[in-house]
Amino acid sequence: MTTTFSIAQFRQYFPAIQDKTIFLDSAATAFKLNKLFAATVDYYQHINTYVHRDQYPTA
């Protein structure tokens, strides 16, 4: 079983490396997946709440 690696397909998952040329400034820098951005937006739009929200009857 052989698996081929497609750089074009790989780049689709990472917005930061869509261009042909990339510069890696640090080994500690981690690229973020599109799914991570979508999950973060979903969290702030639907899940995030205030710390003491349940203390008020209208909450």
PDB file of N, CA and C in Angstrom:
ATOM      1  N   MET A   1       0.832  -1.173   0.000  1.00  0.00           N
ATOM      2  CA  MET A   1       0.000   0.000   0.000  1.00  0.00           C
ATOM      3  C   MET A   1       0.886   1.249   0.000  1.00  0.00           C
ATOM      4  N   THR A   2       0.722   2.081  -0.991  1.00  0.00           N
ATOM      5  CA  THR A   2       1.479   3.323  -1.047  1.00  0.00           C
ATOM      6  C   THR A   2       0.519   4.508  -1.015  1.00  0.00           C
ATOM      7  N   THR A   3       0.918   5.498  -0.296  1.00  0.00           N
ATOM      8  CA  THR A   3       0.127   6.714  -0.191  1.00  0.00           C
ATOM      9  C   THR A   3       0.941   7.859  -0.757  1.00  0.00           C
ATOM     10  N   THR A   4       0.349   8.625  -1.644  1.00  0.00           N
ATOM     11  CA  THR A   4       1.062   9.772  -2.202  1.00  0.00           C
ATOM     12  C   THR A   4       0.645  11.028  -1.460  1.00  0.00           C
ATOM     13  N   PHE A   5       1.593  11.899  -1.284  1.00  0.00           N
ATOM     14  CA  PHE A   5       1.359  13.158  -0.594  1.00  0.00           C
ATOM     15  C   PHE A   5       1.121  14.249  -1.614  1.00  0.00           C
ATOM     16  N   SER A   6       0.019  14.956  -1.478  1.00  0.00           N
ATOM     17  CA  SER A   6      -0.307  16.047  -2.387  1.00  0.00           C
ATOM     18  C   SER A   6      -0.146  17.376  -1.652  1.00  0.00           C
ATOM     19  N   ILE A   7       0.848  18.158  -2.043  1.00  0.00           N
ATOM     20  CA  ILE A   7       1.079  19.444  -1.391  1.00  0.00           C
ATOM     21  C   ILE A   7      -0.096  20.384  -1.632  1.00  0.00           C
ATOM     22  N   ALA A   8      -0.705  20.316  -2.803  1.00  0.00           N
ATOM     23  CA  ALA A   8      -1.858  21.177  -3.107  1.00  0.00           C
ATOM     24  C   ALA A   8      -3.027  20.869  -2.179  1.00  0.00           C
ATOM     25  N   GLN A   9      -3.282  19.591  -1.948  1.00  0.00           N
ATOM     26  CA  GLN A   9      -4.365  19.201  -1.044  1.00  0.00           C
ATOM     27  C   GLN A   9      -4.032  19.597   0.394  1.00  0.00           C
ATOM     28  N   PHE A  10      -2.791  19.430   0.787  1.00  0.00           N
ATOM     29  CA  PHE A  10      -2.348  19.788   2.132  1.00  0.00           C
ATOM     30  C   PHE A  10      -2.535  21.282   2.386  1.00  0.00           C
ATOM     31  N   ARG A  11      -2.173  22.117   1.417  1.00  0.00           N
ATOM     32  CA  ARG A  11      -2.278  23.567   1.561  1.00  0.00           C
ATOM     33  C   ARG A  11      -3.720  24.032   1.734  1.00  0.00           C
ATOM     34  N   GLN A  12      -4.681  23.290   1.219  1.00  0.00           N
ATOM     35  CA  GLN A  12      -6.085  23.669   1.328  1.00  0.00           C
ATOM     36  C   GLN A  12      -6.548  23.731   2.791  1.00  0.00           C
ATOM     37  N   TYR A  13      -5.937  22.970   3.649  1.00  0.00           N
ATOM     38  CA  TYR A  13      -6.338  22.913   5.055  1.00  0.00           C
ATOM     39  C   TYR A  13      -5.740  24.034   5.903  1.00  0.00           C
ATOM     40  N   PHE A  14      -4.733  24.730   5.367  1.00  0.00           N
ATOM     41  CA  PHE A  14      -4.026  25.745   6.134  1.00  0.00           C
ATOM     42  C   PHE A  14      -4.014  27.081   5.394  1.00  0.00           C
ATOM     43  N   PRO A  15      -4.827  28.052   5.837  1.00  0.00           N
ATOM     44  CA  PRO A  15      -4.894  29.335   5.153  1.00  0.00           C
ATOM     45  C   PRO A  15      -3.554  30.065   5.083  1.00  0.00           C
ATOM     46  N   ALA A  16      -2.709  29.891   6.049  1.00  0.00           N
ATOM     47  CA  ALA A  16      -1.443  30.620   6.101  1.00  0.00           C
ATOM     48  C   ALA A  16      -0.473  30.197   5.012  1.00  0.00           C
ATOM     49  N   ILE A  17      -0.673  29.045   4.410  1.00  0.00           N
ATOM     50  CA  ILE A  17       0.275  28.578   3.395  1.00  0.00           C
ATOM     51  C   ILE A  17      -0.394  28.382   2.041  1.00  0.00           C
ATOM     52  N   GLN A  18      -1.346  29.246   1.699  1.00  0.00           N
ATOM     53  CA  GLN A  18      -2.014  29.165   0.406  1.00  0.00           C
ATOM     54  C   GLN A  18      -1.099  29.616  -0.730  1.00  0.00           C
ATOM     55  N   ASP A  19      -0.186  30.522  -0.459  1.00  0.00           N
ATOM     56  CA  ASP A  19       0.730  31.021  -1.494  1.00  0.00           C
ATOM     57  C   ASP A  19       1.803  29.984  -1.817  1.00  0.00           C
ATOM     58  N   LYS A  20       2.463  30.213  -2.928  1.00  0.00           N
ATOM     59  CA  LYS A  20       3.553  29.321  -3.338  1.00  0.00           C
ATOM     60  C   LYS A  20       4.765  29.457  -2.428  1.00  0.00           C
ATOM     61  N   THR A  21       5.012  30.679  -1.956  1.00  0.00           N
ATOM     62  CA  THR A  21       6.185  30.940  -1.133  1.00  0.00           C
ATOM     63  C   THR A  21       5.762  31.133   0.315  1.00  0.00           C
ATOM     64  N   ILE A  22       6.446  30.466   1.213  1.00  0.00           N
ATOM     65  CA  ILE A  22       6.185  30.657   2.640  1.00  0.00           C
ATOM     66  C   ILE A  22       7.515  30.860   3.360  1.00  0.00           C
ATOM     67  N   PHE A  23       7.458  31.549   4.457  1.00  0.00           N
ATOM     68  CA  PHE A  23       8.638  31.791   5.268  1.00  0.00           C
ATOM     69  C   PHE A  23       8.332  31.346   6.686  1.00  0.00           C
ATOM     70  N   LEU A  24       9.072  30.387   7.158  1.00  0.00           N
ATOM     71  CA  LEU A  24       8.881  29.885   8.514  1.00  0.00           C
ATOM     72  C   LEU A  24       9.842  30.613   9.435  1.00  0.00           C
ATOM     73  N   ASP A  25       9.317  31.479  10.286  1.00  0.00           N
ATOM     74  CA  ASP A  25      10.173  32.291  11.134  1.00  0.00           C
ATOM     75  C   ASP A  25      10.523  31.621  12.453  1.00  0.00           C
ATOM     76  N   SER A  26       9.832  30.564  12.798  1.00  0.00           N
ATOM     77  CA  SER A  26      10.096  29.920  14.069  1.00  0.00           C
ATOM     78  C   SER A  26       9.637  28.468  14.035  1.00  0.00           C
ATOM     79  N   ALA A  27      10.396  27.623  14.645  1.00  0.00           N
ATOM     80  CA  ALA A  27       9.988  26.225  14.738  1.00  0.00           C
ATOM     81  C   ALA A  27       8.812  26.062  15.692  1.00  0.00           C
ATOM     82  N   ALA A  28       8.577  27.059  16.535  1.00  0.00           N
ATOM     83  CA  ALA A  28       7.473  27.000  17.487  1.00  0.00           C
ATOM     84  C   ALA A  28       6.150  27.470  16.878  1.00  0.00           C
ATOM     85  N   THR A  29       6.194  28.035  15.683  1.00  0.00           N
ATOM     86  CA  THR A  29       4.971  28.503  15.035  1.00  0.00           C
ATOM     87  C   THR A  29       4.213  27.306  14.487  1.00  0.00           C
ATOM     88  N   ALA A  30       2.949  27.223  14.851  1.00  0.00           N
ATOM     89  CA  ALA A  30       2.122  26.132  14.352  1.00  0.00           C
ATOM     90  C   ALA A  30       1.027  26.706  13.458  1.00  0.00           C
ATOM     91  N   PHE A  31       0.871  26.134  12.293  1.00  0.00           N
ATOM     92  CA  PHE A  31      -0.196  26.567  11.403  1.00  0.00           C
ATOM     93  C   PHE A  31      -1.527  26.067  11.928  1.00  0.00           C
ATOM     94  N   LYS A  32      -2.562  26.842  11.686  1.00  0.00           N
ATOM     95  CA  LYS A  32      -3.896  26.501  12.181  1.00  0.00           C
ATOM     96  C   LYS A  32      -4.751  25.983  11.032  1.00  0.00           C
ATOM     97  N   LEU A  33      -5.483  24.929  11.301  1.00  0.00           N
ATOM     98  CA  LEU A  33      -6.398  24.353  10.324  1.00  0.00           C
ATOM     99  C   LEU A  33      -7.631  25.231  10.161  1.00  0.00           C
ATOM    100  N   ASN A  34      -8.245  25.200   8.976  1.00  0.00           N
ATOM    101  CA  ASN A  34      -9.505  25.908   8.762  1.00  0.00           C
ATOM    102  C   ASN A  34     -10.567  25.449   9.747  1.00  0.00           C
ATOM    103  N   LYS A  35     -10.567  24.173  10.093  1.00  0.00           N
ATOM    104  CA  LYS A  35     -11.550  23.642  11.038  1.00  0.00           C
ATOM    105  C   LYS A  35     -11.391  24.275  12.419  1.00  0.00           C
ATOM    106  N   LEU A  36     -10.177  24.626  12.779  1.00  0.00           N
ATOM    107  CA  LEU A  36      -9.947  25.291  14.059  1.00  0.00           C
ATOM    108  C   LEU A  36     -10.575  26.679  14.056  1.00  0.00           C
ATOM    109  N   PHE A  37     -10.412  27.407  12.954  1.00  0.00           N
ATOM    110  CA  PHE A  37     -11.037  28.728  12.850  1.00  0.00           C
ATOM    111  C   PHE A  37     -12.553  28.607  12.929  1.00  0.00           C
ATOM    112  N   ALA A  38     -13.113  27.645  12.225  1.00  0.00           N
ATOM    113  CA  ALA A  38     -14.564  27.450  12.226  1.00  0.00           C
ATOM    114  C   ALA A  38     -15.064  27.087  13.621  1.00  0.00           C
ATOM    115  N   ALA A  39     -14.336  26.231  14.328  1.00  0.00           N
ATOM    116  CA  ALA A  39     -14.733  25.841  15.677  1.00  0.00           C
ATOM    117  C   ALA A  39     -14.638  27.021  16.649  1.00  0.00           C
ATOM    118  N   THR A  40     -13.635  27.870  16.471  1.00  0.00           N
ATOM    119  CA  THR A  40     -13.477  29.045  17.328  1.00  0.00           C
ATOM    120  C   THR A  40     -14.630  30.020  17.113  1.00  0.00           C
ATOM    121  N   VAL A  41     -14.965  30.279  15.867  1.00  0.00           N
ATOM    122  CA  VAL A  41     -16.086  31.174  15.559  1.00  0.00           C
ATOM    123  C   VAL A  41     -17.384  30.596  16.121  1.00  0.00           C
ATOM    124  N   ASP A  42     -17.596  29.302  15.941  1.00  0.00           N
ATOM    125  CA  ASP A  42     -18.796  28.650  16.462  1.00  0.00           C
ATOM    126  C   ASP A  42     -18.879  28.795  17.979  1.00  0.00           C
ATOM    127  N   TYR A  43     -17.769  28.626  18.652  1.00  0.00           N
ATOM    128  CA  TYR A  43     -17.744  28.766  20.110  1.00  0.00           C
ATOM    129  C   TYR A  43     -18.180  30.168  20.541  1.00  0.00           C
ATOM    130  N   TYR A  44     -17.587  31.184  19.932  1.00  0.00           N
ATOM    131  CA  TYR A  44     -17.903  32.554  20.331  1.00  0.00           C
ATOM    132  C   TYR A  44     -19.303  32.981  19.907  1.00  0.00           C
ATOM    133  N   GLN A  45     -19.856  32.376  18.871  1.00  0.00           N
ATOM    134  CA  GLN A  45     -21.192  32.743  18.428  1.00  0.00           C
ATOM    135  C   GLN A  45     -22.291  31.991  19.168  1.00  0.00           C
ATOM    136  N   HIS A  46     -22.025  30.761  19.619  1.00  0.00           N
ATOM    137  CA  HIS A  46     -23.098  29.927  20.144  1.00  0.00           C
ATOM    138  C   HIS A  46     -22.905  29.400  21.562  1.00  0.00           C
ATOM    139  N   ILE A  47     -21.688  29.315  22.028  1.00  0.00           N
ATOM    140  CA  ILE A  47     -21.441  28.642  23.302  1.00  0.00           C
ATOM    141  C   ILE A  47     -20.969  29.594  24.394  1.00  0.00           C
ATOM    142  N   ASN A  48     -20.115  30.532  24.046  1.00  0.00           N
ATOM    143  CA  ASN A  48     -19.519  31.434  25.024  1.00  0.00           C
ATOM    144  C   ASN A  48     -20.594  32.187  25.801  1.00  0.00           C
ATOM    145  N   THR A  49     -20.389  32.340  27.069  1.00  0.00           N
ATOM    146  CA  THR A  49     -21.339  33.050  27.922  1.00  0.00           C
ATOM    147  C   THR A  49     -20.586  33.812  29.002  1.00  0.00           C
ATOM    148  N   TYR A  50     -21.299  34.652  29.703  1.00  0.00           N
ATOM    149  CA  TYR A  50     -20.697  35.411  30.789  1.00  0.00           C
ATOM    150  C   TYR A  50     -20.537  34.535  32.017  1.00  0.00           C
ATOM    151  N   VAL A  51     -19.575  34.861  32.837  1.00  0.00           N
ATOM    152  CA  VAL A  51     -19.250  34.042  34.002  1.00  0.00           C
ATOM    153  C   VAL A  51     -20.421  33.931  34.971  1.00  0.00           C
ATOM    154  N   HIS A  52     -21.078  35.033  35.294  1.00  0.00           N
ATOM    155  CA  HIS A  52     -22.137  35.036  36.308  1.00  0.00           C
ATOM    156  C   HIS A  52     -23.526  35.180  35.704  1.00  0.00           C
ATOM    157  N   ARG A  53     -23.701  34.675  34.495  1.00  0.00           N
ATOM    158  CA  ARG A  53     -24.959  34.828  33.784  1.00  0.00           C
ATOM    159  C   ARG A  53     -26.127  34.172  34.498  1.00  0.00           C
ATOM    160  N   ASP A  54     -25.926  33.052  35.126  1.00  0.00           N
ATOM    161  CA  ASP A  54     -27.040  32.322  35.737  1.00  0.00           C
ATOM    162  C   ASP A  54     -27.499  32.913  37.063  1.00  0.00           C
ATOM    163  N   GLN A  55     -26.914  33.980  37.520  1.00  0.00           N
ATOM    164  CA  GLN A  55     -27.314  34.596  38.791  1.00  0.00           C
ATOM    165  C   GLN A  55     -28.554  35.475  38.643  1.00  0.00           C
ATOM    166  N   TYR A  56     -28.949  35.783  37.406  1.00  0.00           N
ATOM    167  CA  TYR A  56     -30.072  36.689  37.189  1.00  0.00           C
ATOM    168  C   TYR A  56     -31.271  35.925  36.663  1.00  0.00           C
ATOM    169  N   PRO A  57     -32.473  36.256  37.121  1.00  0.00           N
ATOM    170  CA  PRO A  57     -33.660  35.503  36.709  1.00  0.00           C
ATOM    171  C   PRO A  57     -33.969  35.589  35.212  1.00  0.00           C
ATOM    172  N   THR A  58     -33.520  36.641  34.527  1.00  0.00           N
ATOM    173  CA  THR A  58     -33.805  36.771  33.109  1.00  0.00           C
ATOM    174  C   THR A  58     -32.767  36.100  32.224  1.00  0.00           C
ATOM    175  N   ALA A  59     -31.771  35.507  32.811  1.00  0.00           N
ATOM    176  CA  ALA A  59     -30.688  34.885  32.036  1.00  0.00           C
ATOM    177  C   ALA A  59     -31.159  33.616  31.374  1.00  0.00           C
TER     178      ALA A  59
END
